[in-house]
Amino acid sequence: MLKEYGLDVQRLFLEMMLEDAQSYVRVQNIYNPQNFDKSLRPAAEFIKEHSDKHKTLPERTQISATTGVKLAAVPDLNEGHFDWFMGEFEAFTRRQELERAILKAADLLEKGEYDPVEKLIKDAVQISLTKDMGTDYFADPKSRIEKYFNSGGQVSTGWPQLDRLLYGGFSRGELNIFAGGSGSGKSLVMMNIALNWLQQGLSGVYITLELSEELTSLRTDAMLTNMSTKDIRKDIDTTELKVKLVSKKSGNYQVKGLPAQSNINDIRAYLKEYQIQTGKRVDFVMIDYLDLLMPVSAKVSPNDLFVKDKYVSEELRNLAKELGILMVTASQLNRSAVEEIEFDHSHISGGISKINTADNVFGIFTSRAMKERGKYQIQCMKSRSSTGVGQKIDLEYNIETMRITDEGGDDSENGFSKKPSTSIMDSIKAKSQVSAAAADDAKSVPWERPQAKEGFELETPKVTADVQSAKLKQLLGKIKTS
């Protein structure tokens, strides 16, 4: 690669483009006339305008007459020459764009606008020609399918019903959202999934923007040790022993608290620093929760939830793809969902923008009565990788330890509970159970007049039907005469 791209090299780029229209088309996505020297810029702009308007490259005489810039013909060019052109023009464009981005970033820094700087630099560095031609669909179907299922992840959630609904579990590089109302247990669901992954040997980070690091860790202690927080307070030594024993067979787990209104750059910087200082890998990231993050790529008012959540969800998904990790977060349901037992996209706070970006979205349905009876329901609101939309699964919940399990997973059919989807409300109502013997006793039996014991006589009941009938006739007569 050349170290300097002077006037002569830039002139040669334009001359080679005019020799081969295909070369111009191939670099068109990164071609920017502003990258050329001021003396060549009019010619570069004329080439772009003429090709865009007339769908053909201009002649050299046209360029000379219009702009005053004379470009010579370059004869006897072969494929190797154009390969050189493609590589050098890509490097030239990246360098020029990066220089301009740095100058613009300096102005932003003086104004105190720090967030857009990274995007400017990143966009300039990532400038490149399209060399990856994609996937040849018919070439090797078996390898293509295996690549998706093997490299994509398909990591079990630890809940068999949910795994079958998702055809295996969550995939790396995807954004998964659990939506619930205030107090519905969004954090508990994410903590339980994190614990399931830790027990599978995965390592991860739980980033909380709402709860403290200590409370988040304490809840995980209860789930891991099968002890209530009250029992943990009474017996800290036993808790410590159990946690250390489990740690020997589990992945690494870090709990980090960040202030509300943090952004993706804060999360990315923390993850990078964590990996550098500890040397530990990160397989999954739980973010509690999406609604408390702010975007980096655009300045948005916190009150404009639709636009804010759109940018935040896109940045979260890009981070998951960039790092190749499992990404799980949560979102708030709006007021209209309070009385609902079936959720749809209209119940998500901030609108449908985050739903459009996410790969999987689940609604959490529960109530105090359901929690007391040890029930949680997960409703699939969106799934890109399966046909589970609209399906529901019932999970077991331990109110003391806050552990959510899938004890009925093996008894389900096709990954879904055998119970009808509407039975969740019925299941929380106490129902009297009538035994078979009691049912037999309850059958009607013909009435028999009681018999007197020996030495006693039953008094014959008085018949009063006639008396009552006479009184009724008198009453009706008075009503008619009045």
Protein backbone atom coordinates (compact mmCIF):
# COMPACT_ATOMS: atom_id res chain seq x y z
CA MET A 1 0.00 0.00 0.00
CA LEU A 2 1.15 3.53 -0.76
CA LYS A 3 2.00 5.81 2.18
CA GLU A 4 1.25 9.02 0.31
CA TYR A 5 -1.57 9.73 -2.11
CA GLY A 6 -0.35 12.85 -3.88
CA LEU A 7 -1.79 14.75 -6.80
CA ASP A 8 -0.37 12.39 -9.44
CA VAL A 9 -1.80 9.27 -7.75
CA GLN A 10 -5.23 10.87 -7.37
CA ARG A 11 -5.17 11.90 -11.05
CA LEU A 12 -4.29 8.30 -11.99
CA PHE A 13 -7.31 7.03 -10.00
CA LEU A 14 -9.66 9.20 -12.09
CA GLU A 15 -7.95 8.21 -15.35
CA MET A 16 -8.24 4.48 -14.56
CA MET A 17 -11.93 4.88 -13.72
CA LEU A 18 -12.54 6.39 -17.14
CA GLU A 19 -10.77 3.44 -18.78
CA ASP A 20 -13.02 0.83 -17.16
CA ALA A 21 -16.64 1.56 -16.24
CA GLN A 22 -16.86 -1.65 -14.18
CA SER A 23 -14.09 -0.43 -11.88
CA TYR A 24 -15.98 2.81 -11.29
CA VAL A 25 -19.17 0.90 -10.47
CA ARG A 26 -17.29 -1.33 -8.01
CA VAL A 27 -15.93 1.65 -6.02
CA GLN A 28 -19.07 3.74 -6.34
CA ASN A 29 -20.25 2.99 -2.76
CA ILE A 30 -17.11 4.61 -1.28
CA TYR A 31 -16.46 7.21 -4.02
CA ASN A 32 -16.52 10.74 -2.57
CA PRO A 33 -15.31 13.71 -4.66
CA GLN A 34 -14.45 15.58 -1.44
CA ASN A 35 -11.54 13.20 -0.88
CA PHE A 36 -9.66 14.51 -3.93
CA ASP A 37 -7.28 17.46 -4.10
CA LYS A 38 -8.93 20.84 -4.75
CA SER A 39 -7.46 21.02 -8.26
CA LEU A 40 -9.04 17.64 -9.17
CA ARG A 41 -12.26 17.99 -7.23
CA PRO A 42 -14.26 19.66 -10.07
CA ALA A 43 -13.45 16.76 -12.38
CA ALA A 44 -14.30 14.18 -9.68
CA GLU A 45 -17.64 15.89 -9.03
CA PHE A 46 -18.45 16.09 -12.76
CA ILE A 47 -17.78 12.36 -13.19
CA LYS A 48 -20.15 11.52 -10.34
CA GLU A 49 -22.91 13.90 -11.50
CA HIS A 50 -22.69 12.76 -15.13
CA SER A 51 -22.77 9.05 -14.27
CA ASP A 52 -25.66 9.48 -11.83
CA LYS A 53 -27.75 11.47 -14.33
CA HIS A 54 -26.90 9.84 -17.64
CA LYS A 55 -25.87 6.35 -16.44
CA THR A 56 -22.58 6.49 -18.33
CA LEU A 57 -19.11 7.88 -17.75
CA PRO A 58 -18.23 11.19 -19.46
CA GLU A 59 -15.60 11.54 -22.17
CA ARG A 60 -12.28 13.19 -21.36
CA THR A 61 -13.07 16.04 -23.73
CA GLN A 62 -16.30 16.70 -21.83
CA ILE A 63 -14.41 16.84 -18.54
CA SER A 64 -11.75 19.15 -19.97
CA ALA A 65 -14.28 21.50 -21.55
CA THR A 66 -16.49 21.63 -18.46
CA THR A 67 -13.97 21.73 -15.62
CA GLY A 68 -10.66 22.62 -17.26
CA VAL A 69 -9.06 19.46 -15.87
CA LYS A 70 -7.22 17.37 -18.45
CA LEU A 71 -7.13 13.60 -17.86
CA ALA A 72 -4.98 11.39 -20.09
CA ALA A 73 -5.76 7.96 -21.47
CA VAL A 74 -4.03 4.96 -19.84
CA PRO A 75 -3.65 2.23 -22.47
CA ASP A 76 -2.78 -1.46 -22.10
CA LEU A 77 -4.32 -2.01 -18.65
CA ASN A 78 -4.97 -5.59 -17.56
CA GLU A 79 -6.74 -7.27 -14.65
CA GLY A 80 -3.71 -6.96 -12.36
CA HIS A 81 -3.65 -3.19 -12.82
CA PHE A 82 -7.29 -2.91 -11.81
CA ASP A 83 -6.72 -5.13 -8.76
CA TRP A 84 -4.04 -2.65 -7.68
CA PHE A 85 -6.47 0.19 -8.30
CA MET A 86 -9.18 -1.41 -6.13
CA GLY A 87 -6.88 -1.97 -3.15
CA GLU A 88 -5.20 1.44 -3.29
CA PHE A 89 -8.41 3.37 -3.85
CA GLU A 90 -9.98 1.68 -0.81
CA ALA A 91 -6.99 2.64 1.37
CA PHE A 92 -6.98 6.19 -0.05
CA THR A 93 -10.68 6.68 0.69
CA ARG A 94 -10.39 5.29 4.23
CA ARG A 95 -7.46 7.59 4.98
CA GLN A 96 -9.16 10.71 3.62
CA GLU A 97 -12.42 9.98 5.45
CA LEU A 98 -10.54 9.33 8.70
CA GLU A 99 -8.66 12.65 8.45
CA ARG A 100 -11.91 14.52 7.89
CA ALA A 101 -13.56 12.66 10.78
CA ILE A 102 -10.71 13.59 13.14
CA LEU A 103 -11.00 17.28 12.21
CA LYS A 104 -14.76 17.19 12.74
CA ALA A 105 -14.32 15.34 16.03
CA ALA A 106 -12.02 18.09 17.30
CA ASP A 107 -14.78 20.64 16.74
CA LEU A 108 -17.30 18.43 18.56
CA LEU A 109 -14.95 17.97 21.51
CA GLU A 110 -14.59 21.75 21.86
CA LYS A 111 -18.40 21.99 22.01
CA GLY A 112 -18.55 19.24 24.65
CA GLU A 113 -20.33 16.77 22.35
CA TYR A 114 -18.48 13.54 23.07
CA ASP A 115 -20.88 10.77 22.10
CA PRO A 116 -20.90 11.25 18.27
CA VAL A 117 -17.09 11.21 18.12
CA GLU A 118 -16.74 7.44 18.34
CA LYS A 119 -19.30 6.87 15.57
CA LEU A 120 -17.49 9.30 13.26
CA ILE A 121 -14.14 7.56 13.74
CA LYS A 122 -15.66 4.08 13.59
CA ASP A 123 -17.54 4.78 10.34
CA ALA A 124 -14.36 6.11 8.72
CA VAL A 125 -12.26 3.12 9.78
CA GLN A 126 -14.86 0.63 8.57
CA ILE A 127 -14.97 2.00 5.01
CA SER A 128 -14.26 -0.86 2.62
CA LEU A 129 -15.26 -2.34 -0.69
CA THR A 130 -17.70 -5.22 -0.75
CA LYS A 131 -15.59 -8.34 -1.10
CA ASP A 132 -17.89 -10.86 0.61
CA MET A 133 -20.33 -12.12 -2.01
CA GLY A 134 -22.63 -13.68 0.56
CA THR A 135 -23.92 -17.24 0.69
CA ASP A 136 -24.34 -19.42 -2.37
CA TYR A 137 -27.67 -20.96 -1.41
CA PHE A 138 -27.43 -24.12 -3.55
CA ALA A 139 -23.68 -24.75 -3.19
CA ASP A 140 -23.55 -26.67 0.10
CA PRO A 141 -26.89 -26.83 1.97
CA LYS A 142 -25.59 -29.15 4.71
CA SER A 143 -22.66 -26.90 5.64
CA ARG A 144 -24.88 -23.83 5.49
CA ILE A 145 -27.42 -25.34 7.91
CA GLU A 146 -24.74 -26.68 10.27
CA LYS A 147 -23.03 -23.28 10.31
CA TYR A 148 -26.24 -21.61 11.46
CA PHE A 149 -26.97 -24.06 14.25
CA ASN A 150 -23.37 -24.51 15.42
CA SER A 151 -21.79 -21.08 15.11
CA GLY A 152 -25.03 -19.25 15.88
CA GLY A 153 -25.11 -20.56 19.43
CA GLN A 154 -28.51 -22.02 20.26
CA VAL A 155 -27.67 -21.91 23.97
CA SER A 156 -30.23 -23.52 26.27
CA THR A 157 -32.09 -21.14 28.57
CA GLY A 158 -32.29 -23.82 31.26
CA TRP A 159 -36.06 -24.03 30.81
CA PRO A 160 -36.93 -26.98 28.48
CA GLN A 161 -40.30 -25.55 27.48
CA LEU A 162 -38.78 -22.26 26.37
CA ASP A 163 -35.94 -24.07 24.58
CA ARG A 164 -38.37 -26.13 22.53
CA LEU A 165 -40.41 -23.03 21.73
CA LEU A 166 -37.22 -21.38 20.38
CA TYR A 167 -35.95 -24.54 18.63
CA GLY A 168 -33.03 -24.91 21.02
CA GLY A 169 -32.62 -21.67 22.97
CA PHE A 170 -31.08 -18.24 22.44
CA SER A 171 -28.43 -17.50 19.80
CA ARG A 172 -25.35 -15.35 20.10
CA GLY A 173 -25.52 -11.95 18.44
CA GLU A 174 -29.26 -11.61 19.00
CA LEU A 175 -31.26 -9.23 21.20
CA ASN A 176 -33.77 -10.85 23.59
CA ILE A 177 -36.26 -8.76 25.58
CA PHE A 178 -38.47 -9.73 28.52
CA ALA A 179 -41.30 -7.24 28.99
CA GLY A 180 -43.32 -6.91 32.17
CA GLY A 181 -45.13 -4.44 34.35
CA SER A 182 -43.71 -2.89 37.49
CA GLY A 183 -43.07 -5.62 40.05
CA SER A 184 -43.71 -8.44 37.57
CA GLY A 185 -40.25 -9.91 38.07
CA LYS A 186 -38.28 -8.79 35.00
CA SER A 187 -35.06 -8.75 37.01
CA LEU A 188 -35.84 -12.14 38.59
CA VAL A 189 -36.34 -13.74 35.17
CA MET A 190 -32.99 -12.42 33.92
CA MET A 191 -31.19 -13.44 37.13
CA ASN A 192 -32.61 -16.97 36.84
CA ILE A 193 -31.52 -17.30 33.21
CA ALA A 194 -28.06 -15.99 34.15
CA LEU A 195 -27.83 -18.62 36.90
CA ASN A 196 -28.91 -21.33 34.43
CA TRP A 197 -26.11 -20.28 32.08
CA LEU A 198 -23.56 -20.16 34.87
CA GLN A 199 -24.42 -23.73 35.79
CA GLN A 200 -23.83 -24.67 32.13
CA GLY A 201 -20.27 -23.32 32.46
CA LEU A 202 -20.85 -20.02 30.63
CA SER A 203 -19.38 -16.76 31.95
CA GLY A 204 -21.13 -13.43 31.91
CA VAL A 205 -21.86 -9.98 33.28
CA TYR A 206 -25.05 -8.69 34.87
CA ILE A 207 -25.32 -4.90 34.39
CA THR A 208 -27.92 -3.27 36.61
CA LEU A 209 -29.10 0.29 36.09
CA GLU A 210 -31.83 0.04 38.72
CA LEU A 211 -30.94 -2.29 41.62
CA SER A 212 -27.74 -2.12 43.63
CA GLU A 213 -24.94 -4.63 43.04
CA GLU A 214 -25.41 -5.97 46.59
CA LEU A 215 -29.16 -6.59 46.26
CA THR A 216 -28.72 -8.20 42.85
CA SER A 217 -26.05 -10.49 44.29
CA LEU A 218 -28.17 -11.31 47.36
CA ARG A 219 -31.08 -12.41 45.20
CA THR A 220 -28.72 -14.65 43.22
CA ASP A 221 -27.47 -16.07 46.56
CA ALA A 222 -31.03 -17.08 47.44
CA MET A 223 -31.58 -18.75 44.06
CA LEU A 224 -28.24 -20.54 44.13
CA THR A 225 -28.33 -21.79 47.74
CA ASN A 226 -32.05 -22.57 47.88
CA MET A 227 -32.29 -20.37 50.99
CA SER A 228 -34.54 -17.39 51.61
CA THR A 229 -32.93 -14.00 52.18
CA LYS A 230 -34.16 -14.23 55.78
CA ASP A 231 -32.31 -17.52 56.29
CA ILE A 232 -29.22 -16.10 54.59
CA ARG A 233 -29.12 -13.26 57.11
CA LYS A 234 -29.26 -15.77 59.97
CA ASP A 235 -26.61 -18.10 58.54
CA ILE A 236 -24.09 -16.22 56.41
CA ASP A 237 -21.37 -18.85 56.88
CA THR A 238 -23.47 -21.62 55.34
CA THR A 239 -24.39 -19.33 52.46
CA GLU A 240 -20.74 -18.55 51.80
CA LEU A 241 -19.86 -22.26 51.82
CA LYS A 242 -22.63 -23.15 49.34
CA VAL A 243 -21.73 -20.29 46.98
CA LYS A 244 -18.05 -21.27 46.95
CA LEU A 245 -18.90 -24.91 46.28
CA VAL A 246 -21.07 -23.99 43.29
CA SER A 247 -18.44 -21.59 41.97
CA LYS A 248 -16.05 -24.49 41.35
CA LYS A 249 -18.39 -25.94 38.72
CA SER A 250 -19.76 -22.70 37.27
CA GLY A 251 -18.59 -20.00 34.89
CA ASN A 252 -17.39 -16.56 36.00
CA TYR A 253 -20.02 -14.02 36.99
CA GLN A 254 -19.63 -10.28 37.46
CA VAL A 255 -22.34 -7.91 38.74
CA LYS A 256 -21.84 -4.26 37.79
CA GLY A 257 -24.01 -1.29 38.65
CA LEU A 258 -24.15 1.64 36.23
CA PRO A 259 -26.09 4.88 36.67
CA ALA A 260 -29.38 5.36 34.82
CA GLN A 261 -29.02 7.27 31.52
CA SER A 262 -25.80 5.37 30.72
CA ASN A 263 -25.21 4.44 27.08
CA ILE A 264 -23.79 1.61 24.99
CA ASN A 265 -20.31 3.13 25.02
CA ASP A 266 -20.28 2.90 28.83
CA ILE A 267 -21.21 -0.79 28.61
CA ARG A 268 -18.70 -1.50 25.82
CA ALA A 269 -15.91 0.27 27.72
CA TYR A 270 -16.67 -1.66 30.90
CA LEU A 271 -16.73 -5.04 29.13
CA LYS A 272 -13.43 -4.27 27.43
CA GLU A 273 -11.81 -3.19 30.69
CA TYR A 274 -13.17 -6.25 32.48
CA GLN A 275 -11.69 -8.60 29.88
CA ILE A 276 -8.31 -6.78 29.91
CA GLN A 277 -7.98 -6.73 33.70
CA THR A 278 -9.22 -10.27 34.39
CA GLY A 279 -8.44 -12.08 31.14
CA LYS A 280 -11.85 -13.75 31.39
CA ARG A 281 -14.18 -14.26 28.47
CA VAL A 282 -17.75 -12.97 28.36
CA ASP A 283 -20.40 -15.32 26.95
CA PHE A 284 -23.50 -13.39 27.98
CA VAL A 285 -24.56 -9.92 29.12
CA MET A 286 -27.77 -9.19 31.03
CA ILE A 287 -28.85 -5.51 31.06
CA ASP A 288 -31.42 -4.47 33.64
CA TYR A 289 -32.94 -2.73 31.82
CA LEU A 290 -33.25 -1.23 28.27
CA ASP A 291 -35.59 1.66 29.12
CA LEU A 292 -32.95 3.24 31.39
CA LEU A 293 -30.30 3.48 28.63
CA MET A 294 -29.66 6.46 26.35
CA PRO A 295 -28.51 6.26 22.70
CA VAL A 296 -25.06 7.21 21.45
CA SER A 297 -25.69 7.67 17.74
CA ALA A 298 -28.19 10.52 18.12
CA LYS A 299 -29.22 13.18 20.59
CA VAL A 300 -32.75 12.31 21.66
CA SER A 301 -34.97 13.72 24.36
CA PRO A 302 -35.67 11.19 27.15
CA ASN A 303 -39.35 11.97 26.66
CA ASP A 304 -39.32 10.77 23.05
CA LEU A 305 -39.49 7.09 23.99
CA PHE A 306 -40.17 5.76 20.49
CA VAL A 307 -37.03 7.26 18.93
CA LYS A 308 -34.88 6.74 22.03
CA ASP A 309 -35.74 3.05 22.34
CA LYS A 310 -35.26 2.56 18.59
CA TYR A 311 -31.65 3.75 18.73
CA VAL A 312 -30.89 1.99 22.03
CA SER A 313 -32.24 -1.39 20.87
CA GLU A 314 -30.32 -1.12 17.58
CA GLU A 315 -27.10 -0.29 19.44
CA LEU A 316 -27.61 -3.17 21.87
CA ARG A 317 -28.13 -5.62 19.04
CA ASN A 318 -25.07 -4.30 17.21
CA LEU A 319 -23.03 -4.76 20.41
CA ALA A 320 -24.24 -8.36 20.71
CA LYS A 321 -23.22 -9.07 17.09
CA GLU A 322 -19.91 -7.24 17.49
CA LEU A 323 -18.90 -9.24 20.58
CA GLY A 324 -20.65 -12.49 19.59
CA ILE A 325 -22.44 -12.76 22.94
CA LEU A 326 -25.85 -13.69 24.31
CA MET A 327 -27.72 -10.46 25.05
CA VAL A 328 -30.79 -10.32 27.32
CA THR A 329 -32.52 -7.22 28.58
CA ALA A 330 -35.94 -6.14 29.85
CA SER A 331 -38.52 -3.49 29.08
CA GLN A 332 -41.50 -1.97 30.81
CA LEU A 333 -45.10 -2.64 29.85
CA ASN A 334 -47.37 0.41 29.67
CA ARG A 335 -50.51 1.17 31.68
CA SER A 336 -52.84 -0.47 29.20
CA ALA A 337 -51.28 -3.85 30.03
CA VAL A 338 -52.14 -3.71 33.75
CA GLU A 339 -55.51 -5.43 33.44
CA GLU A 340 -54.58 -7.64 30.50
CA ILE A 341 -53.81 -11.34 30.61
CA GLU A 342 -52.78 -11.50 26.92
CA PHE A 343 -50.02 -9.15 25.73
CA ASP A 344 -49.34 -7.76 22.27
CA HIS A 345 -47.04 -5.12 20.76
CA SER A 346 -49.31 -2.26 21.82
CA HIS A 347 -48.58 -3.01 25.49
CA ILE A 348 -44.84 -2.31 25.21
CA SER A 349 -43.79 1.00 26.72
CA GLY A 350 -42.29 3.31 24.08
CA GLY A 351 -44.06 1.67 21.17
CA ILE A 352 -43.12 -0.87 18.54
CA SER A 353 -39.63 0.46 17.70
CA LYS A 354 -37.76 -1.88 20.04
CA ILE A 355 -39.99 -4.80 19.00
CA ASN A 356 -38.94 -4.31 15.37
CA THR A 357 -35.25 -4.55 16.30
CA ALA A 358 -35.35 -7.40 18.84
CA ASP A 359 -35.03 -11.02 17.75
CA ASN A 360 -37.17 -12.46 20.58
CA VAL A 361 -39.68 -10.65 22.81
CA PHE A 362 -41.48 -12.26 25.75
CA GLY A 363 -44.20 -10.95 28.03
CA ILE A 364 -44.12 -11.82 31.74
CA PHE A 365 -47.56 -12.46 33.20
CA THR A 366 -47.94 -12.96 36.92
CA SER A 367 -49.78 -11.61 39.95
CA ARG A 368 -49.49 -11.78 43.72
CA ALA A 369 -51.88 -14.75 43.82
CA MET A 370 -49.91 -16.54 41.11
CA LYS A 371 -46.62 -15.94 42.91
CA GLU A 372 -48.07 -17.26 46.16
CA ARG A 373 -49.17 -20.38 44.32
CA GLY A 374 -45.76 -20.67 42.68
CA LYS A 375 -46.65 -19.78 39.08
CA TYR A 376 -45.08 -17.65 36.36
CA GLN A 377 -46.23 -17.42 32.76
CA ILE A 378 -44.03 -16.43 29.79
CA GLN A 379 -45.82 -15.34 26.62
CA CYS A 380 -43.94 -15.26 23.30
CA MET A 381 -44.73 -11.97 21.57
CA LYS A 382 -42.11 -12.16 18.80
CA SER A 383 -39.58 -14.70 17.54
CA ARG A 384 -37.53 -14.52 14.36
CA SER A 385 -36.13 -18.03 14.60
CA SER A 386 -39.25 -20.05 15.46
CA THR A 387 -43.02 -20.24 15.11
CA GLY A 388 -43.65 -19.77 18.83
CA VAL A 389 -45.42 -16.40 18.61
CA GLY A 390 -48.60 -16.46 20.72
CA GLN A 391 -47.53 -19.55 22.67
CA LYS A 392 -47.37 -19.57 26.47
CA ILE A 393 -45.41 -21.60 28.96
CA ASP A 394 -46.05 -22.00 32.68
CA LEU A 395 -43.06 -22.04 35.02
CA GLU A 396 -42.70 -22.93 38.69
CA TYR A 397 -41.74 -20.16 41.14
CA ASN A 398 -40.40 -20.50 44.67
CA ILE A 399 -41.50 -17.40 46.57
CA GLU A 400 -38.87 -17.94 49.29
CA THR A 401 -35.78 -18.44 47.12
CA MET A 402 -37.07 -16.55 44.02
CA ARG A 403 -35.95 -19.49 41.86
CA ILE A 404 -37.90 -20.00 38.61
CA THR A 405 -37.77 -23.53 37.26
CA ASP A 406 -39.38 -25.61 34.54
CA GLU A 407 -40.40 -28.66 36.55
CA GLY A 408 -43.19 -29.47 34.11
CA GLY A 409 -40.96 -29.28 31.06
CA ASP A 410 -40.74 -33.05 30.57
CA ASP A 411 -44.50 -33.49 30.82
CA SER A 412 -45.26 -31.00 28.10
CA GLU A 413 -46.07 -31.72 24.49
CA ASN A 414 -44.17 -29.97 21.70
CA GLY A 415 -42.57 -27.71 24.25
CA PHE A 416 -45.82 -26.23 25.52
CA SER A 417 -47.79 -26.87 28.64
CA LYS A 418 -50.65 -29.33 28.27
CA LYS A 419 -52.87 -26.92 30.17
CA PRO A 420 -55.07 -24.68 28.02
CA SER A 421 -53.66 -21.20 27.65
CA THR A 422 -56.66 -19.71 29.44
CA SER A 423 -56.34 -22.00 32.46
CA ILE A 424 -53.77 -19.80 34.16
CA MET A 425 -56.46 -17.69 35.80
CA ASP A 426 -58.42 -20.75 36.85
CA SER A 427 -55.33 -22.33 38.34
CA ILE A 428 -54.94 -19.53 40.88
CA LYS A 429 -58.47 -19.97 42.22
CA ALA A 430 -58.99 -22.42 45.06
CA LYS A 431 -61.16 -25.30 43.96
CA SER A 432 -62.88 -27.81 46.26
CA GLN A 433 -62.06 -31.43 45.48
CA VAL A 434 -64.94 -33.90 45.91
CA SER A 435 -63.93 -37.50 46.43
CA ALA A 436 -65.66 -40.39 44.72
CA ALA A 437 -67.10 -41.61 48.01
CA ALA A 438 -68.48 -38.19 48.83
CA ALA A 439 -70.00 -38.01 45.36
CA ASP A 440 -71.81 -41.31 45.93
CA ASP A 441 -73.11 -40.08 49.28
CA ALA A 442 -74.41 -36.94 47.64
CA LYS A 443 -76.76 -38.88 45.34
CA SER A 444 -80.50 -38.21 45.95
CA VAL A 445 -82.29 -40.79 48.16
CA PRO A 446 -86.13 -41.11 48.47
CA TRP A 447 -87.45 -39.42 51.66
CA GLU A 448 -88.84 -41.67 54.34
CA ARG A 449 -90.84 -40.57 57.32
CA PRO A 450 -88.84 -40.97 60.54
CA GLN A 451 -89.97 -43.76 62.85
CA ALA A 452 -90.40 -43.26 66.59
CA LYS A 453 -88.25 -45.21 68.97
CA GLU A 454 -89.84 -47.75 71.27
CA GLY A 455 -91.77 -46.04 74.10
CA PHE A 456 -92.20 -42.74 72.20
CA GLU A 457 -94.82 -41.40 69.80
CA LEU A 458 -94.30 -38.82 67.11
CA GLU A 459 -96.82 -35.98 67.05
CA THR A 460 -98.78 -35.81 63.82
CA PRO A 461 -97.93 -32.51 62.08
CA LYS A 462 -100.80 -30.04 61.62
CA VAL A 463 -101.91 -29.27 58.11
CA THR A 464 -102.23 -25.50 57.61
CA ALA A 465 -102.55 -25.28 53.86
CA ASP A 466 -106.31 -24.48 53.95
CA VAL A 467 -105.90 -21.78 56.59
CA GLN A 468 -103.16 -20.10 54.66
CA SER A 469 -105.24 -20.33 51.47
CA ALA A 470 -108.21 -18.60 53.15
CA LYS A 471 -106.05 -15.75 54.38
CA LEU A 472 -104.65 -15.28 50.90
CA LYS A 473 -108.13 -15.01 49.38
CA GLN A 474 -109.12 -12.39 51.95
CA LEU A 475 -106.01 -10.34 51.19
CA LEU A 476 -106.66 -10.42 47.43
CA GLY A 477 -110.26 -9.37 48.00
CA LYS A 478 -109.19 -6.30 49.98
CA ILE A 479 -106.78 -5.31 47.24
CA LYS A 480 -109.53 -5.45 44.57
CA THR A 481 -112.04 -3.35 46.59
CA SER A 482 -109.47 -0.70 47.52
